[in-house]
Amino acid sequence: MKYIAETEKDTVEIATQFAKTLKVGDIVALYGTLGAGKTAFCRGFIQSLTGMDIEVPSPTFTLLQTYDTNMYPIYHFDMYRLKQPDEAYELGIEDAFTEGVSLIEWPEKLGHLLPKKHIRVTITILPDEKREIIID
């Protein structure tokens, strides 16, 4: 599926609709450059399922933030600072993959640890500052 988000609010709405389609064990790998909107997408996803306007910071420094919902726990990873893929084991990534839904920013840092079966979300900044969001 391909979407064009003209604003951050559009990105949040796309994420909100997408969140309704997932189930326990789903892994979402978010690709895009710095500032593309990966965290905004995650924020919309998480807030739509928690039912709250909670703060959803980028887990750049903590590497992982978790959120409880009525449906499943959400594991929001930011792998940007990983030096080696195996460091993800310390974050409990194996449990996250089976117990809830995982949102992973910078999934390329996981290398061989990123399961082949995952949902790829690619966010690209267009020349007019809109965002192209492709989910496959």
N, C-alpha and C. Protein backbone atom coordinates (compact mmCIF):
# COMPACT_ATOMS: atom_id res chain seq x y z
N MET A 1 0.84 -1.17 0.00
CA MET A 1 0.00 0.00 0.00
C MET A 1 0.89 1.24 0.00
N LYS A 2 0.49 2.21 -0.73
CA LYS A 2 1.26 3.45 -0.85
C LYS A 2 0.37 4.62 -0.48
N TYR A 3 0.92 5.50 0.36
CA TYR A 3 0.19 6.68 0.83
C TYR A 3 1.07 7.91 0.66
N ILE A 4 0.43 9.07 0.54
CA ILE A 4 1.13 10.34 0.57
C ILE A 4 0.60 11.12 1.77
N ALA A 5 1.50 11.48 2.67
CA ALA A 5 1.13 12.27 3.85
C ALA A 5 1.59 13.71 3.62
N GLU A 6 0.65 14.61 3.60
CA GLU A 6 0.98 16.02 3.40
C GLU A 6 1.43 16.69 4.69
N THR A 7 1.00 16.14 5.83
CA THR A 7 1.33 16.70 7.13
C THR A 7 1.66 15.57 8.11
N GLU A 8 2.18 15.94 9.26
CA GLU A 8 2.42 14.94 10.30
C GLU A 8 1.10 14.33 10.76
N LYS A 9 0.06 15.14 10.77
CA LYS A 9 -1.26 14.63 11.15
C LYS A 9 -1.70 13.52 10.19
N ASP A 10 -1.40 13.67 8.91
CA ASP A 10 -1.71 12.61 7.93
C ASP A 10 -0.92 11.34 8.25
N THR A 11 0.34 11.50 8.61
CA THR A 11 1.17 10.35 8.97
C THR A 11 0.57 9.62 10.16
N VAL A 12 0.13 10.36 11.15
CA VAL A 12 -0.49 9.79 12.35
C VAL A 12 -1.77 9.04 11.97
N GLU A 13 -2.56 9.60 11.08
CA GLU A 13 -3.81 8.95 10.67
C GLU A 13 -3.54 7.64 9.93
N ILE A 14 -2.53 7.63 9.07
CA ILE A 14 -2.16 6.41 8.36
C ILE A 14 -1.72 5.35 9.37
N ALA A 15 -0.92 5.74 10.35
CA ALA A 15 -0.45 4.81 11.38
C ALA A 15 -1.62 4.29 12.22
N THR A 16 -2.57 5.15 12.52
CA THR A 16 -3.75 4.77 13.30
C THR A 16 -4.54 3.69 12.59
N GLN A 17 -4.76 3.86 11.31
CA GLN A 17 -5.49 2.86 10.53
C GLN A 17 -4.70 1.56 10.43
N PHE A 18 -3.40 1.67 10.23
CA PHE A 18 -2.53 0.51 10.12
C PHE A 18 -2.53 -0.28 11.43
N ALA A 19 -2.54 0.39 12.57
CA ALA A 19 -2.50 -0.27 13.88
C ALA A 19 -3.67 -1.22 14.06
N LYS A 20 -4.78 -0.93 13.46
CA LYS A 20 -5.98 -1.76 13.61
C LYS A 20 -5.84 -3.12 12.93
N THR A 21 -4.83 -3.28 12.09
CA THR A 21 -4.68 -4.51 11.31
C THR A 21 -3.71 -5.51 11.92
N LEU A 22 -3.01 -5.15 12.99
CA LEU A 22 -1.94 -6.00 13.49
C LEU A 22 -2.39 -6.91 14.63
N LYS A 23 -1.56 -7.92 14.88
CA LYS A 23 -1.84 -8.90 15.93
C LYS A 23 -0.53 -9.27 16.62
N VAL A 24 -0.66 -9.97 17.74
CA VAL A 24 0.52 -10.41 18.49
C VAL A 24 1.46 -11.18 17.57
N GLY A 25 2.74 -10.85 17.68
CA GLY A 25 3.76 -11.49 16.86
C GLY A 25 4.14 -10.72 15.62
N ASP A 26 3.37 -9.69 15.28
CA ASP A 26 3.71 -8.89 14.11
C ASP A 26 4.92 -8.01 14.40
N ILE A 27 5.79 -7.91 13.42
CA ILE A 27 7.02 -7.13 13.53
C ILE A 27 7.00 -6.10 12.41
N VAL A 28 7.11 -4.84 12.79
CA VAL A 28 7.07 -3.74 11.82
C VAL A 28 8.44 -3.10 11.77
N ALA A 29 9.07 -3.16 10.61
CA ALA A 29 10.39 -2.57 10.40
C ALA A 29 10.20 -1.25 9.67
N LEU A 30 10.62 -0.15 10.32
CA LEU A 30 10.43 1.19 9.75
C LEU A 30 11.74 1.71 9.19
N TYR A 31 11.73 1.99 7.89
CA TYR A 31 12.90 2.49 7.19
C TYR A 31 12.67 3.94 6.78
N GLY A 32 13.74 4.72 6.82
CA GLY A 32 13.69 6.11 6.40
C GLY A 32 14.87 6.86 6.98
N THR A 33 15.20 7.96 6.36
CA THR A 33 16.32 8.77 6.83
C THR A 33 15.96 9.49 8.12
N LEU A 34 16.95 10.12 8.74
CA LEU A 34 16.68 10.95 9.92
C LEU A 34 15.65 12.01 9.55
N GLY A 35 14.64 12.16 10.38
CA GLY A 35 13.63 13.18 10.15
C GLY A 35 12.55 12.80 9.17
N ALA A 36 12.55 11.56 8.70
CA ALA A 36 11.54 11.14 7.72
C ALA A 36 10.15 11.02 8.32
N GLY A 37 10.08 10.69 9.61
CA GLY A 37 8.78 10.56 10.25
C GLY A 37 8.53 9.19 10.87
N LYS A 38 9.57 8.42 11.06
CA LYS A 38 9.41 7.09 11.66
C LYS A 38 8.81 7.19 13.07
N THR A 39 9.34 8.08 13.87
CA THR A 39 8.83 8.22 15.24
C THR A 39 7.42 8.79 15.24
N ALA A 40 7.11 9.70 14.35
CA ALA A 40 5.75 10.24 14.25
C ALA A 40 4.76 9.12 13.91
N PHE A 41 5.18 8.24 13.01
CA PHE A 41 4.35 7.09 12.65
C PHE A 41 4.13 6.21 13.88
N CYS A 42 5.19 5.91 14.59
CA CYS A 42 5.09 5.09 15.80
C CYS A 42 4.22 5.76 16.85
N ARG A 43 4.38 7.06 17.00
CA ARG A 43 3.58 7.80 17.98
C ARG A 43 2.09 7.66 17.67
N GLY A 44 1.72 7.84 16.42
CA GLY A 44 0.32 7.70 16.04
C GLY A 44 -0.19 6.29 16.28
N PHE A 45 0.62 5.31 15.95
CA PHE A 45 0.29 3.91 16.15
C PHE A 45 0.03 3.65 17.63
N ILE A 46 0.98 4.03 18.46
CA ILE A 46 0.92 3.75 19.90
C ILE A 46 -0.23 4.50 20.56
N GLN A 47 -0.38 5.78 20.26
CA GLN A 47 -1.45 6.55 20.89
C GLN A 47 -2.82 6.04 20.49
N SER A 48 -2.96 5.56 19.28
CA SER A 48 -4.27 5.06 18.85
C SER A 48 -4.67 3.80 19.63
N LEU A 49 -3.70 3.00 20.02
CA LEU A 49 -4.02 1.76 20.74
C LEU A 49 -4.04 1.91 22.25
N THR A 50 -3.35 2.91 22.78
CA THR A 50 -3.42 3.13 24.23
C THR A 50 -4.62 3.97 24.59
N GLY A 51 -5.15 4.67 23.60
CA GLY A 51 -6.31 5.52 23.85
C GLY A 51 -5.97 6.78 24.60
N MET A 52 -4.68 7.09 24.65
CA MET A 52 -4.25 8.26 25.41
C MET A 52 -3.34 9.14 24.56
N ASP A 53 -3.32 10.39 24.90
CA ASP A 53 -2.41 11.33 24.25
C ASP A 53 -1.11 11.35 25.05
N ILE A 54 -0.50 10.17 25.19
CA ILE A 54 0.72 10.05 25.98
C ILE A 54 1.93 10.49 25.17
N GLU A 55 2.96 10.83 25.89
CA GLU A 55 4.21 11.18 25.22
C GLU A 55 4.84 9.90 24.69
N VAL A 56 5.24 9.94 23.44
CA VAL A 56 5.91 8.79 22.81
C VAL A 56 7.23 9.31 22.26
N PRO A 57 8.26 9.30 23.09
CA PRO A 57 9.55 9.81 22.63
C PRO A 57 10.25 8.78 21.75
N SER A 58 11.16 9.27 20.95
CA SER A 58 12.01 8.35 20.20
C SER A 58 12.89 7.62 21.21
N PRO A 59 12.95 6.30 21.12
CA PRO A 59 13.80 5.56 22.07
C PRO A 59 15.27 5.53 21.63
N THR A 60 15.75 6.61 21.05
CA THR A 60 17.12 6.66 20.55
C THR A 60 18.13 6.37 21.66
N PHE A 61 17.91 6.91 22.84
CA PHE A 61 18.89 6.73 23.91
C PHE A 61 18.56 5.53 24.80
N THR A 62 17.28 5.24 24.98
CA THR A 62 16.91 4.10 25.82
C THR A 62 16.88 2.80 25.01
N LEU A 63 16.82 2.91 23.71
CA LEU A 63 16.75 1.81 22.74
C LEU A 63 15.40 1.10 22.73
N LEU A 64 14.65 1.14 23.83
CA LEU A 64 13.36 0.46 23.89
C LEU A 64 12.41 1.20 24.82
N GLN A 65 11.19 1.36 24.36
CA GLN A 65 10.08 1.83 25.18
C GLN A 65 8.96 0.81 25.02
N THR A 66 8.27 0.50 26.10
CA THR A 66 7.15 -0.44 26.01
C THR A 66 5.86 0.26 26.41
N TYR A 67 4.77 -0.21 25.83
CA TYR A 67 3.46 0.38 26.07
C TYR A 67 2.45 -0.75 26.17
N ASP A 68 1.55 -0.65 27.15
CA ASP A 68 0.50 -1.64 27.31
C ASP A 68 -0.77 -1.16 26.62
N THR A 69 -1.44 -2.07 25.95
CA THR A 69 -2.74 -1.79 25.35
C THR A 69 -3.68 -2.92 25.76
N ASN A 70 -4.95 -2.77 25.44
CA ASN A 70 -5.92 -3.82 25.72
C ASN A 70 -5.71 -5.03 24.82
N MET A 71 -5.01 -4.83 23.70
CA MET A 71 -4.85 -5.90 22.72
C MET A 71 -3.54 -6.67 22.91
N TYR A 72 -2.46 -5.94 23.15
CA TYR A 72 -1.13 -6.55 23.25
C TYR A 72 -0.14 -5.48 23.70
N PRO A 73 1.02 -5.91 24.21
CA PRO A 73 2.06 -4.92 24.51
C PRO A 73 2.73 -4.48 23.20
N ILE A 74 3.16 -3.25 23.19
CA ILE A 74 3.90 -2.72 22.04
C ILE A 74 5.33 -2.48 22.50
N TYR A 75 6.26 -2.99 21.70
CA TYR A 75 7.69 -2.80 21.94
C TYR A 75 8.21 -1.87 20.85
N HIS A 76 8.62 -0.67 21.26
CA HIS A 76 9.10 0.34 20.33
C HIS A 76 10.62 0.42 20.45
N PHE A 77 11.30 -0.12 19.45
CA PHE A 77 12.76 -0.17 19.44
C PHE A 77 13.33 0.90 18.52
N ASP A 78 14.47 1.43 18.89
CA ASP A 78 15.27 2.28 18.01
C ASP A 78 16.68 1.69 18.03
N MET A 79 17.07 1.07 16.93
CA MET A 79 18.33 0.35 16.87
C MET A 79 19.49 1.20 16.35
N TYR A 80 19.27 2.48 16.19
CA TYR A 80 20.28 3.37 15.60
C TYR A 80 21.64 3.26 16.28
N ARG A 81 21.65 3.13 17.60
CA ARG A 81 22.91 3.13 18.35
C ARG A 81 23.54 1.75 18.53
N LEU A 82 22.92 0.70 17.99
CA LEU A 82 23.52 -0.63 18.11
C LEU A 82 24.83 -0.68 17.34
N LYS A 83 25.81 -1.27 17.95
CA LYS A 83 27.09 -1.46 17.26
C LYS A 83 27.14 -2.83 16.60
N GLN A 84 26.51 -3.82 17.23
CA GLN A 84 26.46 -5.19 16.72
C GLN A 84 25.02 -5.70 16.86
N PRO A 85 24.52 -6.46 15.90
CA PRO A 85 23.16 -6.98 16.00
C PRO A 85 22.88 -7.75 17.29
N ASP A 86 23.86 -8.51 17.78
CA ASP A 86 23.64 -9.33 18.97
C ASP A 86 23.34 -8.51 20.23
N GLU A 87 23.63 -7.23 20.21
CA GLU A 87 23.29 -6.37 21.35
C GLU A 87 21.78 -6.32 21.57
N ALA A 88 21.00 -6.63 20.55
CA ALA A 88 19.54 -6.60 20.66
C ALA A 88 19.03 -7.66 21.62
N TYR A 89 19.79 -8.73 21.81
CA TYR A 89 19.36 -9.76 22.76
C TYR A 89 19.23 -9.18 24.16
N GLU A 90 20.08 -8.23 24.52
CA GLU A 90 20.03 -7.61 25.84
C GLU A 90 18.74 -6.81 26.04
N LEU A 91 18.09 -6.45 24.96
CA LEU A 91 16.84 -5.70 25.03
C LEU A 91 15.62 -6.61 25.13
N GLY A 92 15.84 -7.91 25.07
CA GLY A 92 14.73 -8.86 25.13
C GLY A 92 13.96 -8.96 23.82
N ILE A 93 14.66 -8.79 22.73
CA ILE A 93 13.99 -8.76 21.43
C ILE A 93 13.29 -10.07 21.10
N GLU A 94 13.83 -11.18 21.55
CA GLU A 94 13.18 -12.47 21.26
C GLU A 94 11.80 -12.55 21.90
N ASP A 95 11.68 -12.10 23.14
CA ASP A 95 10.38 -12.09 23.82
C ASP A 95 9.43 -11.12 23.13
N ALA A 96 9.94 -9.96 22.77
CA ALA A 96 9.10 -8.96 22.11
C ALA A 96 8.49 -9.52 20.83
N PHE A 97 9.28 -10.27 20.08
CA PHE A 97 8.81 -10.82 18.81
C PHE A 97 7.66 -11.81 18.98
N THR A 98 7.53 -12.41 20.15
CA THR A 98 6.48 -13.41 20.35
C THR A 98 5.35 -12.94 21.26
N GLU A 99 5.60 -11.93 22.10
CA GLU A 99 4.61 -11.54 23.11
C GLU A 99 3.77 -10.33 22.73
N GLY A 100 4.18 -9.57 21.75
CA GLY A 100 3.44 -8.36 21.41
C GLY A 100 3.68 -7.97 19.97
N VAL A 101 3.54 -6.69 19.71
CA VAL A 101 3.85 -6.12 18.40
C VAL A 101 5.11 -5.30 18.55
N SER A 102 6.04 -5.48 17.64
CA SER A 102 7.32 -4.76 17.68
C SER A 102 7.36 -3.72 16.58
N LEU A 103 7.66 -2.49 16.96
CA LEU A 103 7.92 -1.39 16.03
C LEU A 103 9.42 -1.14 16.09
N ILE A 104 10.11 -1.28 14.97
CA ILE A 104 11.56 -1.20 14.99
C ILE A 104 12.05 -0.11 14.04
N GLU A 105 12.59 0.96 14.62
CA GLU A 105 13.24 1.99 13.82
C GLU A 105 14.69 1.56 13.60
N TRP A 106 15.21 1.83 12.43
CA TRP A 106 16.56 1.45 12.03
C TRP A 106 16.75 -0.07 12.08
N PRO A 107 15.84 -0.84 11.49
CA PRO A 107 15.92 -2.30 11.55
C PRO A 107 17.14 -2.88 10.83
N GLU A 108 17.72 -2.14 9.92
CA GLU A 108 18.90 -2.63 9.22
C GLU A 108 20.05 -2.92 10.18
N LYS A 109 20.03 -2.28 11.35
CA LYS A 109 21.07 -2.53 12.36
C LYS A 109 20.94 -3.92 12.99
N LEU A 110 19.79 -4.57 12.82
CA LEU A 110 19.59 -5.91 13.37
C LEU A 110 20.25 -6.99 12.50
N GLY A 111 20.55 -6.66 11.26
CA GLY A 111 21.17 -7.64 10.38
C GLY A 111 20.37 -8.94 10.34
N HIS A 112 21.04 -10.05 10.61
CA HIS A 112 20.44 -11.38 10.54
C HIS A 112 19.36 -11.63 11.60
N LEU A 113 19.27 -10.77 12.61
CA LEU A 113 18.27 -10.97 13.66
C LEU A 113 16.88 -10.48 13.27
N LEU A 114 16.77 -9.69 12.22
CA LEU A 114 15.46 -9.24 11.76
C LEU A 114 14.78 -10.42 11.07
N PRO A 115 13.66 -10.89 11.61
CA PRO A 115 12.99 -12.03 10.99
C PRO A 115 12.61 -11.74 9.53
N LYS A 116 12.69 -12.78 8.71
CA LYS A 116 12.32 -12.62 7.31
C LYS A 116 10.86 -12.21 7.17
N LYS A 117 10.03 -12.73 8.07
CA LYS A 117 8.61 -12.39 8.03
C LYS A 117 8.39 -11.14 8.88
N HIS A 118 8.31 -10.02 8.23
CA HIS A 118 8.02 -8.75 8.91
C HIS A 118 7.30 -7.83 7.93
N ILE A 119 6.72 -6.80 8.47
CA ILE A 119 6.04 -5.80 7.66
C ILE A 119 7.00 -4.63 7.50
N ARG A 120 7.23 -4.25 6.28
CA ARG A 120 8.17 -3.16 5.98
C ARG A 120 7.38 -1.87 5.75
N VAL A 121 7.76 -0.84 6.51
CA VAL A 121 7.20 0.50 6.32
C VAL A 121 8.36 1.40 5.92
N THR A 122 8.27 1.96 4.73
CA THR A 122 9.32 2.85 4.23
C THR A 122 8.74 4.25 4.10
N ILE A 123 9.39 5.20 4.76
CA ILE A 123 8.95 6.60 4.73
C ILE A 123 10.02 7.42 4.02
N THR A 124 9.60 8.08 2.96
CA THR A 124 10.52 8.88 2.15
C THR A 124 10.08 10.33 2.15
N ILE A 125 11.02 11.24 2.36
CA ILE A 125 10.72 12.66 2.27
C ILE A 125 10.71 13.05 0.80
N LEU A 126 9.61 13.60 0.35
CA LEU A 126 9.49 14.05 -1.04
C LEU A 126 10.01 15.48 -1.17
N PRO A 127 10.32 15.92 -2.39
CA PRO A 127 10.86 17.28 -2.57
C PRO A 127 9.99 18.40 -1.99
N ASP A 128 8.67 18.19 -1.93
CA ASP A 128 7.77 19.22 -1.40
C ASP A 128 7.51 19.05 0.10
N GLU A 129 8.36 18.24 0.77
CA GLU A 129 8.27 17.97 2.21
C GLU A 129 7.10 17.06 2.59
N LYS A 130 6.34 16.58 1.61
CA LYS A 130 5.35 15.56 1.90
C LYS A 130 6.11 14.26 2.16
N ARG A 131 5.40 13.26 2.66
CA ARG A 131 6.00 11.97 2.92
C ARG A 131 5.29 10.89 2.10
N GLU A 132 6.10 10.06 1.48
CA GLU A 132 5.55 8.87 0.84
C GLU A 132 5.73 7.73 1.84
N ILE A 133 4.65 7.05 2.14
CA ILE A 133 4.67 5.93 3.09
C ILE A 133 4.24 4.68 2.34
N ILE A 134 5.14 3.72 2.28
CA ILE A 134 4.84 2.46 1.62
C ILE A 134 4.85 1.37 2.68
N ILE A 135 3.76 0.61 2.74
CA ILE A 135 3.63 -0.49 3.69
C ILE A 135 3.51 -1.78 2.89
N ASP A 136 4.47 -2.68 3.09
CA ASP A 136 4.38 -3.99 2.44
C ASP A 136 5.07 -5.06 3.26
